[in-house]
Structure formats: structure tokens, C-alpha cells
Amino acid sequence: MSKLGKRLIRAADEALAIARGEADSTTYRVHVPADLNVRAIRKRTKLSQSEFSAKFGIPPGTLRDWEQKRKVPDRAARVLLVVIDKEPEAVKRALSHV
């Protein structure tokens, strides 16, 4: 097998371990996107701005500023937005028990 083939197989094995929760978190880095389309994320949830704000604990004015690109979400907010985009129900469940 070629060097590239071996690297691809190793990468796939590592990705599978991460997905299963079996990976050592010190061996990989989390990618947090620098730029997000906040409006598109909200639209995919099929929620209005006020509904999205209430459900996910984001002040309406902040959400509006992000969507209109007057302000950029900080790193922690971008992480939350990515999780909302990928697993909105998990975030709703987590926040409903707080």
C-alpha cells in the first residue's frame, strides 16, 4: 500500500475513534470555524429570531447583530452555533435541564 493510502486509513481510523468517543482528546484538535452564516444556521432550525434566541439563550439583539454581520460571534459562541447546526435537539435537551 502507498504512503498516502496508509495515511488515509490511519485518518479514517482516528475519525471513527473520535466519533465513538474512544479517542484520547490530547491527540486531536477541534476545528472552530472563523466565519459562520448565523442566519443560515437559524433558518435550518426553522425558528424565527425570537424563537431561536429563547430556545438557545442568545439575546435577540446579539443574534440580530450576528445575522447582519455587525458583530462576529466569539469562539465559544461559534462552538455553540456549530453544535446547534449539527445537533439542535441535543442542545435543546442540555439546556432544558439547567
N, C-alpha and C. Protein backbone atom coordinates (compact mmCIF):
# COMPACT_ATOMS: atom_id res chain seq x y z
N MET A 1 0.85 -1.17 0.00
CA MET A 1 0.00 0.00 0.00
C MET A 1 0.90 1.24 0.00
N SER A 2 0.44 2.28 -0.66
CA SER A 2 1.22 3.51 -0.75
C SER A 2 1.22 4.24 0.58
N LYS A 3 2.15 5.18 0.71
CA LYS A 3 2.24 6.00 1.92
C LYS A 3 0.95 6.79 2.13
N LEU A 4 0.41 7.34 1.04
CA LEU A 4 -0.84 8.09 1.11
C LEU A 4 -1.99 7.18 1.56
N GLY A 5 -2.06 5.99 1.01
CA GLY A 5 -3.11 5.05 1.40
C GLY A 5 -3.06 4.74 2.88
N LYS A 6 -1.85 4.54 3.41
CA LYS A 6 -1.70 4.26 4.85
C LYS A 6 -2.14 5.44 5.69
N ARG A 7 -1.80 6.67 5.24
CA ARG A 7 -2.22 7.86 5.97
C ARG A 7 -3.74 8.03 5.97
N LEU A 8 -4.34 7.73 4.83
CA LEU A 8 -5.80 7.84 4.73
C LEU A 8 -6.50 6.83 5.64
N ILE A 9 -5.99 5.63 5.69
CA ILE A 9 -6.59 4.60 6.56
C ILE A 9 -6.42 4.99 8.03
N ARG A 10 -5.23 5.49 8.38
CA ARG A 10 -4.99 5.91 9.76
C ARG A 10 -5.93 7.07 10.13
N ALA A 11 -6.11 8.02 9.22
CA ALA A 11 -7.00 9.15 9.46
C ALA A 11 -8.44 8.68 9.64
N ALA A 12 -8.87 7.73 8.83
CA ALA A 12 -10.24 7.20 8.94
C ALA A 12 -10.42 6.48 10.28
N ASP A 13 -9.42 5.72 10.70
CA ASP A 13 -9.49 5.03 12.00
C ASP A 13 -9.58 6.03 13.14
N GLU A 14 -8.79 7.12 13.04
CA GLU A 14 -8.81 8.15 14.08
C GLU A 14 -10.18 8.85 14.11
N ALA A 15 -10.73 9.13 12.95
CA ALA A 15 -12.05 9.78 12.88
C ALA A 15 -13.12 8.89 13.50
N LEU A 16 -13.05 7.61 13.23
CA LEU A 16 -14.01 6.67 13.80
C LEU A 16 -13.89 6.62 15.33
N ALA A 17 -12.67 6.63 15.83
CA ALA A 17 -12.46 6.63 17.28
C ALA A 17 -13.02 7.90 17.92
N ILE A 18 -12.84 9.03 17.26
CA ILE A 18 -13.39 10.29 17.77
C ILE A 18 -14.91 10.22 17.78
N ALA A 19 -15.50 9.74 16.69
CA ALA A 19 -16.96 9.65 16.60
C ALA A 19 -17.54 8.73 17.66
N ARG A 20 -16.82 7.68 18.00
CA ARG A 20 -17.29 6.73 19.02
C ARG A 20 -17.00 7.21 20.43
N GLY A 21 -16.25 8.29 20.57
CA GLY A 21 -15.88 8.80 21.89
C GLY A 21 -14.75 8.01 22.53
N GLU A 22 -14.00 7.29 21.71
CA GLU A 22 -12.92 6.43 22.22
C GLU A 22 -11.55 7.07 22.09
N ALA A 23 -11.46 8.20 21.42
CA ALA A 23 -10.16 8.82 21.15
C ALA A 23 -9.65 9.58 22.36
N ASP A 24 -8.36 9.61 22.49
CA ASP A 24 -7.69 10.40 23.52
C ASP A 24 -7.75 11.85 23.07
N SER A 25 -8.44 12.71 23.82
CA SER A 25 -8.65 14.09 23.39
C SER A 25 -7.35 14.89 23.28
N THR A 26 -6.26 14.39 23.85
CA THR A 26 -4.99 15.10 23.73
C THR A 26 -4.32 14.84 22.38
N THR A 27 -4.87 13.93 21.58
CA THR A 27 -4.23 13.59 20.31
C THR A 27 -4.87 14.27 19.12
N TYR A 28 -5.91 15.07 19.33
CA TYR A 28 -6.53 15.76 18.20
C TYR A 28 -6.96 17.15 18.60
N ARG A 29 -7.15 18.00 17.61
CA ARG A 29 -7.60 19.37 17.85
C ARG A 29 -8.99 19.55 17.29
N VAL A 30 -9.74 20.39 17.93
CA VAL A 30 -11.09 20.71 17.48
C VAL A 30 -11.01 21.91 16.54
N HIS A 31 -11.69 21.82 15.42
CA HIS A 31 -11.74 22.93 14.46
C HIS A 31 -12.96 23.79 14.76
N VAL A 32 -12.70 25.06 15.03
CA VAL A 32 -13.79 26.02 15.22
C VAL A 32 -13.73 26.99 14.05
N PRO A 33 -14.76 27.00 13.21
CA PRO A 33 -14.71 27.87 12.04
C PRO A 33 -14.60 29.35 12.43
N ALA A 34 -13.85 30.09 11.66
CA ALA A 34 -13.67 31.52 11.92
C ALA A 34 -14.90 32.32 11.48
N ASP A 35 -15.60 31.82 10.49
CA ASP A 35 -16.75 32.54 9.95
C ASP A 35 -17.93 31.59 9.82
N LEU A 36 -19.07 32.04 10.28
CA LEU A 36 -20.30 31.24 10.19
C LEU A 36 -21.41 32.08 9.59
N ASN A 37 -22.31 31.43 8.89
CA ASN A 37 -23.50 32.10 8.40
C ASN A 37 -24.59 31.84 9.44
N VAL A 38 -24.69 32.74 10.40
CA VAL A 38 -25.61 32.56 11.53
C VAL A 38 -27.05 32.50 11.05
N ARG A 39 -27.40 33.34 10.11
CA ARG A 39 -28.77 33.33 9.59
C ARG A 39 -29.11 31.96 8.99
N ALA A 40 -28.21 31.39 8.22
CA ALA A 40 -28.45 30.08 7.61
C ALA A 40 -28.61 29.00 8.67
N ILE A 41 -27.81 29.07 9.73
CA ILE A 41 -27.94 28.10 10.83
C ILE A 41 -29.32 28.22 11.44
N ARG A 42 -29.75 29.46 11.73
CA ARG A 42 -31.08 29.66 12.33
C ARG A 42 -32.17 29.18 11.39
N LYS A 43 -32.05 29.49 10.11
CA LYS A 43 -33.07 29.08 9.14
C LYS A 43 -33.19 27.56 9.06
N ARG A 44 -32.06 26.86 9.18
CA ARG A 44 -32.12 25.38 9.14
C ARG A 44 -32.88 24.82 10.34
N THR A 45 -32.92 25.58 11.44
CA THR A 45 -33.69 25.12 12.60
C THR A 45 -35.18 25.43 12.43
N LYS A 46 -35.51 26.22 11.40
CA LYS A 46 -36.89 26.62 11.11
C LYS A 46 -37.51 27.42 12.27
N LEU A 47 -36.67 28.24 12.91
CA LEU A 47 -37.12 29.08 14.01
C LEU A 47 -36.98 30.55 13.63
N SER A 48 -37.88 31.37 14.16
CA SER A 48 -37.74 32.82 13.98
C SER A 48 -36.59 33.29 14.86
N GLN A 49 -36.20 34.54 14.70
CA GLN A 49 -35.12 35.07 15.54
C GLN A 49 -35.51 35.00 17.02
N SER A 50 -36.73 35.37 17.34
CA SER A 50 -37.14 35.36 18.75
C SER A 50 -37.22 33.94 19.30
N GLU A 51 -37.68 32.99 18.50
CA GLU A 51 -37.74 31.59 18.94
C GLU A 51 -36.33 31.02 19.15
N PHE A 52 -35.44 31.30 18.20
CA PHE A 52 -34.07 30.81 18.28
C PHE A 52 -33.39 31.40 19.52
N SER A 53 -33.57 32.69 19.73
CA SER A 53 -32.99 33.37 20.89
C SER A 53 -33.46 32.74 22.19
N ALA A 54 -34.76 32.52 22.29
CA ALA A 54 -35.32 31.95 23.52
C ALA A 54 -34.87 30.52 23.74
N LYS A 55 -34.87 29.72 22.70
CA LYS A 55 -34.52 28.30 22.81
C LYS A 55 -33.07 28.06 23.17
N PHE A 56 -32.18 28.93 22.65
CA PHE A 56 -30.75 28.69 22.83
C PHE A 56 -30.06 29.71 23.72
N GLY A 57 -30.82 30.60 24.36
CA GLY A 57 -30.25 31.52 25.33
C GLY A 57 -29.36 32.60 24.74
N ILE A 58 -29.66 33.01 23.53
CA ILE A 58 -28.87 34.06 22.88
C ILE A 58 -29.72 35.33 22.86
N PRO A 59 -29.21 36.43 23.39
CA PRO A 59 -30.01 37.66 23.37
C PRO A 59 -30.41 38.04 21.95
N PRO A 60 -31.67 38.45 21.77
CA PRO A 60 -32.16 38.78 20.42
C PRO A 60 -31.29 39.80 19.69
N GLY A 61 -30.84 40.82 20.38
CA GLY A 61 -30.00 41.85 19.75
C GLY A 61 -28.67 41.29 19.28
N THR A 62 -28.12 40.39 20.05
CA THR A 62 -26.86 39.75 19.68
C THR A 62 -27.06 38.91 18.42
N LEU A 63 -28.13 38.12 18.40
CA LEU A 63 -28.43 37.29 17.23
C LEU A 63 -28.61 38.17 16.00
N ARG A 64 -29.34 39.26 16.14
CA ARG A 64 -29.56 40.19 15.03
C ARG A 64 -28.23 40.75 14.51
N ASP A 65 -27.36 41.17 15.45
CA ASP A 65 -26.05 41.71 15.06
C ASP A 65 -25.23 40.67 14.31
N TRP A 66 -25.26 39.42 14.76
CA TRP A 66 -24.52 38.35 14.08
C TRP A 66 -25.07 38.13 12.68
N GLU A 67 -26.39 38.06 12.58
CA GLU A 67 -27.00 37.80 11.28
C GLU A 67 -26.75 38.94 10.30
N GLN A 68 -26.71 40.16 10.78
CA GLN A 68 -26.48 41.31 9.91
C GLN A 68 -25.00 41.64 9.79
N LYS A 69 -24.15 40.79 10.38
CA LYS A 69 -22.69 40.90 10.31
C LYS A 69 -22.15 42.21 10.89
N ARG A 70 -22.91 42.78 11.85
CA ARG A 70 -22.40 43.96 12.56
C ARG A 70 -21.40 43.54 13.62
N LYS A 71 -21.59 42.30 14.13
CA LYS A 71 -20.67 41.73 15.11
C LYS A 71 -20.40 40.28 14.73
N VAL A 72 -19.28 39.78 15.23
CA VAL A 72 -18.87 38.40 14.95
C VAL A 72 -18.95 37.61 16.26
N PRO A 73 -19.57 36.43 16.23
CA PRO A 73 -19.62 35.62 17.46
C PRO A 73 -18.21 35.26 17.93
N ASP A 74 -18.00 35.30 19.25
CA ASP A 74 -16.69 34.89 19.77
C ASP A 74 -16.54 33.38 19.62
N ARG A 75 -15.38 32.86 19.98
CA ARG A 75 -15.08 31.44 19.78
C ARG A 75 -16.10 30.53 20.46
N ALA A 76 -16.43 30.82 21.70
CA ALA A 76 -17.39 29.97 22.43
C ALA A 76 -18.76 29.99 21.76
N ALA A 77 -19.18 31.17 21.30
CA ALA A 77 -20.47 31.27 20.61
C ALA A 77 -20.44 30.50 19.29
N ARG A 78 -19.32 30.56 18.59
CA ARG A 78 -19.21 29.81 17.32
C ARG A 78 -19.29 28.31 17.58
N VAL A 79 -18.68 27.86 18.67
CA VAL A 79 -18.78 26.43 19.03
C VAL A 79 -20.25 26.07 19.26
N LEU A 80 -20.95 26.88 20.05
CA LEU A 80 -22.36 26.63 20.31
C LEU A 80 -23.16 26.62 19.01
N LEU A 81 -22.90 27.57 18.14
CA LEU A 81 -23.64 27.65 16.88
C LEU A 81 -23.38 26.43 15.99
N VAL A 82 -22.16 25.93 15.98
CA VAL A 82 -21.86 24.73 15.20
C VAL A 82 -22.63 23.53 15.76
N VAL A 83 -22.66 23.42 17.08
CA VAL A 83 -23.39 22.31 17.70
C VAL A 83 -24.89 22.45 17.43
N ILE A 84 -25.40 23.67 17.52
CA ILE A 84 -26.82 23.89 17.20
C ILE A 84 -27.08 23.47 15.76
N ASP A 85 -26.17 23.81 14.86
CA ASP A 85 -26.36 23.47 13.45
C ASP A 85 -26.35 21.96 13.23
N LYS A 86 -25.48 21.25 13.93
CA LYS A 86 -25.34 19.80 13.71
C LYS A 86 -26.31 18.97 14.57
N GLU A 87 -26.54 19.41 15.80
CA GLU A 87 -27.35 18.63 16.74
C GLU A 87 -28.26 19.54 17.58
N PRO A 88 -29.19 20.25 16.95
CA PRO A 88 -30.02 21.20 17.71
C PRO A 88 -30.82 20.55 18.83
N GLU A 89 -31.26 19.33 18.63
CA GLU A 89 -32.05 18.67 19.68
C GLU A 89 -31.20 18.38 20.91
N ALA A 90 -29.94 18.03 20.72
CA ALA A 90 -29.05 17.78 21.84
C ALA A 90 -28.85 19.06 22.66
N VAL A 91 -28.71 20.19 21.99
CA VAL A 91 -28.55 21.46 22.70
C VAL A 91 -29.82 21.79 23.45
N LYS A 92 -30.97 21.60 22.83
CA LYS A 92 -32.25 21.85 23.50
C LYS A 92 -32.38 20.99 24.75
N ARG A 93 -32.04 19.70 24.63
CA ARG A 93 -32.11 18.79 25.79
C ARG A 93 -31.16 19.24 26.89
N ALA A 94 -29.97 19.59 26.52
CA ALA A 94 -28.96 20.01 27.51
C ALA A 94 -29.40 21.27 28.23
N LEU A 95 -29.94 22.22 27.51
CA LEU A 95 -30.33 23.50 28.12
C LEU A 95 -31.65 23.41 28.86
N SER A 96 -32.46 22.43 28.58
CA SER A 96 -33.75 22.33 29.26
C SER A 96 -33.60 21.79 30.68
N HIS A 97 -32.44 21.24 31.01
CA HIS A 97 -32.21 20.69 32.35
C HIS A 97 -31.42 21.63 33.25
N VAL A 98 -31.14 22.82 32.74
CA VAL A 98 -30.33 23.77 33.51
C VAL A 98 -31.19 24.47 34.51
